[in-house]
N, C-alpha and C. Protein backbone atom coordinates (compact mmCIF):
# COMPACT_ATOMS: atom_id res chain seq x y z
N UNK A 1 71.91 85.55 155.92
CA UNK A 1 72.35 86.73 156.65
C UNK A 1 73.30 87.54 155.76
N UNK A 2 73.02 88.80 155.61
CA UNK A 2 73.84 89.67 154.78
C UNK A 2 74.98 90.24 155.62
N UNK A 3 76.19 90.13 155.11
CA UNK A 3 77.35 90.66 155.82
C UNK A 3 77.48 92.15 155.54
N UNK A 4 77.97 92.88 156.50
CA UNK A 4 78.17 94.32 156.33
C UNK A 4 79.32 94.57 155.36
N UNK A 5 79.10 95.50 154.44
CA UNK A 5 80.13 95.84 153.48
C UNK A 5 80.42 97.33 153.57
N UNK A 6 81.65 97.68 153.28
CA UNK A 6 82.02 99.10 153.26
C UNK A 6 82.81 99.39 152.01
N UNK A 7 82.59 100.59 151.49
CA UNK A 7 83.35 101.01 150.32
C UNK A 7 84.79 101.29 150.74
N UNK A 8 85.69 100.96 149.87
CA UNK A 8 87.10 101.19 150.13
C UNK A 8 87.53 102.45 149.39
N UNK A 9 88.32 103.28 150.03
CA UNK A 9 88.86 104.47 149.40
C UNK A 9 90.38 104.34 149.36
N UNK A 10 90.94 104.68 148.22
CA UNK A 10 92.39 104.61 148.06
C UNK A 10 92.89 105.88 147.38
N UNK A 11 94.06 106.31 147.77
CA UNK A 11 94.68 107.47 147.14
C UNK A 11 95.16 107.09 145.75
N UNK A 12 95.14 108.06 144.84
CA UNK A 12 95.67 107.87 143.50
C UNK A 12 96.39 109.14 143.09
N UNK A 13 97.52 108.97 142.43
CA UNK A 13 98.28 110.10 141.91
C UNK A 13 98.17 110.02 140.38
N UNK A 14 97.74 111.11 139.78
CA UNK A 14 97.48 111.17 138.34
C UNK A 14 98.52 112.06 137.68
N UNK A 15 99.22 111.51 136.71
CA UNK A 15 100.21 112.25 135.93
C UNK A 15 99.64 112.48 134.54
N UNK A 16 99.58 113.74 134.14
CA UNK A 16 99.16 114.11 132.79
C UNK A 16 100.37 114.71 132.09
N UNK A 17 100.75 114.06 130.98
CA UNK A 17 101.95 114.52 130.28
C UNK A 17 101.82 114.17 128.80
N UNK A 18 102.02 115.16 127.95
CA UNK A 18 101.97 114.93 126.51
C UNK A 18 100.63 114.41 126.03
N UNK A 19 99.56 114.82 126.69
CA UNK A 19 98.22 114.38 126.29
C UNK A 19 97.86 112.97 126.75
N UNK A 20 98.74 112.33 127.52
CA UNK A 20 98.48 110.99 128.04
C UNK A 20 98.30 111.06 129.55
N UNK A 21 97.64 110.04 130.09
CA UNK A 21 97.32 109.99 131.51
C UNK A 21 97.86 108.69 132.11
N UNK A 22 98.50 108.83 133.28
CA UNK A 22 99.10 107.70 133.99
C UNK A 22 98.67 107.79 135.45
N UNK A 23 98.47 106.63 136.07
CA UNK A 23 97.95 106.60 137.44
C UNK A 23 98.86 105.75 138.33
N UNK A 24 99.09 106.26 139.55
CA UNK A 24 100.00 105.62 140.50
C UNK A 24 99.38 105.62 141.89
N UNK A 25 99.84 104.71 142.72
CA UNK A 25 99.33 104.61 144.09
C UNK A 25 99.91 105.65 145.02
N UNK A 26 101.07 106.24 144.66
CA UNK A 26 101.68 107.28 145.48
C UNK A 26 102.75 108.01 144.67
N UNK A 27 103.25 109.11 145.21
CA UNK A 27 104.26 109.90 144.52
C UNK A 27 105.55 109.13 144.28
N UNK A 28 105.93 108.30 145.23
CA UNK A 28 107.16 107.52 145.10
C UNK A 28 107.09 106.59 143.90
N UNK A 29 105.95 105.93 143.72
CA UNK A 29 105.77 105.03 142.57
C UNK A 29 105.86 105.81 141.26
N UNK A 30 105.28 107.00 141.22
CA UNK A 30 105.37 107.85 140.04
C UNK A 30 106.82 108.20 139.75
N UNK A 31 107.54 108.66 140.76
CA UNK A 31 108.93 109.10 140.58
C UNK A 31 109.89 107.94 140.36
N UNK A 32 109.51 106.73 140.75
CA UNK A 32 110.31 105.55 140.43
C UNK A 32 110.15 105.17 138.95
N UNK A 33 109.05 105.62 138.33
CA UNK A 33 108.77 105.30 136.93
C UNK A 33 109.28 106.36 135.96
N UNK A 34 109.43 107.58 136.44
CA UNK A 34 109.86 108.70 135.59
C UNK A 34 111.00 109.43 136.31
N UNK A 35 112.01 109.83 135.57
CA UNK A 35 113.08 110.59 136.22
C UNK A 35 112.80 112.09 136.13
N UNK A 36 113.57 112.84 136.87
CA UNK A 36 113.38 114.29 137.00
C UNK A 36 113.39 114.98 135.63
N UNK A 37 114.26 114.55 134.75
CA UNK A 37 114.36 115.19 133.43
C UNK A 37 113.10 114.96 132.59
N UNK A 38 112.48 113.79 132.76
CA UNK A 38 111.28 113.48 131.98
C UNK A 38 110.07 114.29 132.43
N UNK A 39 109.86 114.39 133.75
CA UNK A 39 108.66 115.09 134.24
C UNK A 39 108.94 116.53 134.65
N UNK A 40 110.22 116.89 134.76
CA UNK A 40 110.58 118.27 135.06
C UNK A 40 110.51 118.67 136.51
N UNK A 41 110.46 117.68 137.41
CA UNK A 41 110.38 117.98 138.84
C UNK A 41 110.90 116.77 139.62
N UNK A 42 111.53 117.03 140.76
CA UNK A 42 112.11 115.97 141.59
C UNK A 42 111.12 115.49 142.65
N UNK A 43 111.32 114.25 143.08
CA UNK A 43 110.48 113.64 144.11
C UNK A 43 110.43 114.49 145.38
N UNK A 44 111.58 114.92 145.88
CA UNK A 44 111.60 115.69 147.13
C UNK A 44 110.80 116.99 147.01
N UNK A 45 110.87 117.63 145.86
CA UNK A 45 110.08 118.85 145.65
C UNK A 45 108.59 118.53 145.72
N UNK A 46 108.17 117.46 145.03
CA UNK A 46 106.75 117.08 145.03
C UNK A 46 106.27 116.71 146.43
N UNK A 47 107.14 116.00 147.17
CA UNK A 47 106.79 115.60 148.54
C UNK A 47 106.51 116.83 149.41
N UNK A 48 107.31 117.86 149.25
CA UNK A 48 107.15 119.07 150.05
C UNK A 48 106.10 120.03 149.50
N UNK A 49 105.72 119.86 148.25
CA UNK A 49 104.76 120.74 147.58
C UNK A 49 103.37 120.65 148.21
N UNK A 50 103.00 119.46 148.66
CA UNK A 50 101.69 119.29 149.28
C UNK A 50 100.57 119.13 148.26
N UNK A 51 100.79 118.26 147.29
CA UNK A 51 99.75 118.01 146.28
C UNK A 51 98.52 117.42 146.95
N UNK A 52 97.36 117.97 146.64
CA UNK A 52 96.09 117.38 147.04
C UNK A 52 95.05 117.73 145.99
N UNK A 53 93.80 117.40 146.24
CA UNK A 53 92.75 117.60 145.23
C UNK A 53 92.58 119.06 144.83
N UNK A 54 92.82 119.98 145.74
CA UNK A 54 92.68 121.40 145.44
C UNK A 54 93.99 122.06 145.04
N UNK A 55 95.09 121.35 145.14
CA UNK A 55 96.40 121.94 144.89
C UNK A 55 97.26 121.02 144.00
N UNK A 56 96.95 120.93 142.70
CA UNK A 56 97.77 120.10 141.82
C UNK A 56 99.11 120.77 141.54
N UNK A 57 100.09 119.98 141.15
CA UNK A 57 101.36 120.54 140.68
C UNK A 57 101.21 120.77 139.18
N UNK A 58 101.42 121.99 138.72
CA UNK A 58 101.35 122.32 137.31
C UNK A 58 102.71 122.83 136.88
N UNK A 59 103.42 122.02 136.11
CA UNK A 59 104.76 122.37 135.66
C UNK A 59 104.79 122.56 134.15
N UNK A 60 105.98 122.81 133.62
CA UNK A 60 106.15 123.01 132.17
C UNK A 60 105.97 121.71 131.40
N UNK A 61 106.31 120.58 132.03
CA UNK A 61 106.26 119.29 131.33
C UNK A 61 105.06 118.43 131.68
N UNK A 62 104.46 118.67 132.85
CA UNK A 62 103.38 117.79 133.28
C UNK A 62 102.48 118.45 134.31
N UNK A 63 101.36 117.80 134.57
CA UNK A 63 100.47 118.16 135.67
C UNK A 63 100.34 116.91 136.53
N UNK A 64 100.47 117.09 137.84
CA UNK A 64 100.33 115.97 138.76
C UNK A 64 99.23 116.32 139.75
N UNK A 65 98.24 115.43 139.81
CA UNK A 65 97.10 115.62 140.71
C UNK A 65 97.03 114.46 141.69
N UNK A 66 96.38 114.69 142.81
CA UNK A 66 96.16 113.62 143.78
C UNK A 66 94.66 113.55 144.03
N UNK A 67 94.12 112.35 144.09
CA UNK A 67 92.70 112.18 144.32
C UNK A 67 92.42 110.90 145.07
N UNK A 68 91.17 110.49 145.02
CA UNK A 68 90.73 109.29 145.73
C UNK A 68 89.94 108.42 144.78
N UNK A 69 90.20 107.13 144.81
CA UNK A 69 89.41 106.15 144.08
C UNK A 69 88.51 105.44 145.09
N UNK A 70 87.24 105.33 144.75
CA UNK A 70 86.30 104.60 145.58
C UNK A 70 86.02 103.28 144.88
N UNK A 71 86.23 102.18 145.60
CA UNK A 71 86.02 100.86 145.01
C UNK A 71 84.73 100.23 145.53
N UNK A 72 84.32 99.18 144.87
CA UNK A 72 83.11 98.47 145.29
C UNK A 72 83.30 97.89 146.69
N UNK A 73 82.20 97.73 147.39
CA UNK A 73 82.30 97.15 148.74
C UNK A 73 82.76 95.70 148.70
N UNK A 74 83.49 95.30 149.74
CA UNK A 74 83.91 93.91 149.93
C UNK A 74 83.04 93.30 151.01
N UNK A 75 82.78 92.03 150.91
CA UNK A 75 82.18 91.35 152.05
C UNK A 75 83.24 90.46 152.66
N UNK A 76 83.24 90.37 153.95
CA UNK A 76 84.28 89.59 154.65
C UNK A 76 83.80 88.20 154.95
């Protein structure tokens, strides 16, 4: 008997800075790893900015995008 499987979707926050790419599970994790001076923007500003797939944050020091990762199905 084959068990029903479903694809899992998870949010991902993508930081592009200095030609390098970094990935985080949420904005808080990103801002816990980089301070305001390094990325040029504060956590509270990003939280209120409303980053989504159609509205990335584009600053002088970095670009921050939000997207979705689709993972392989799990069987229970």
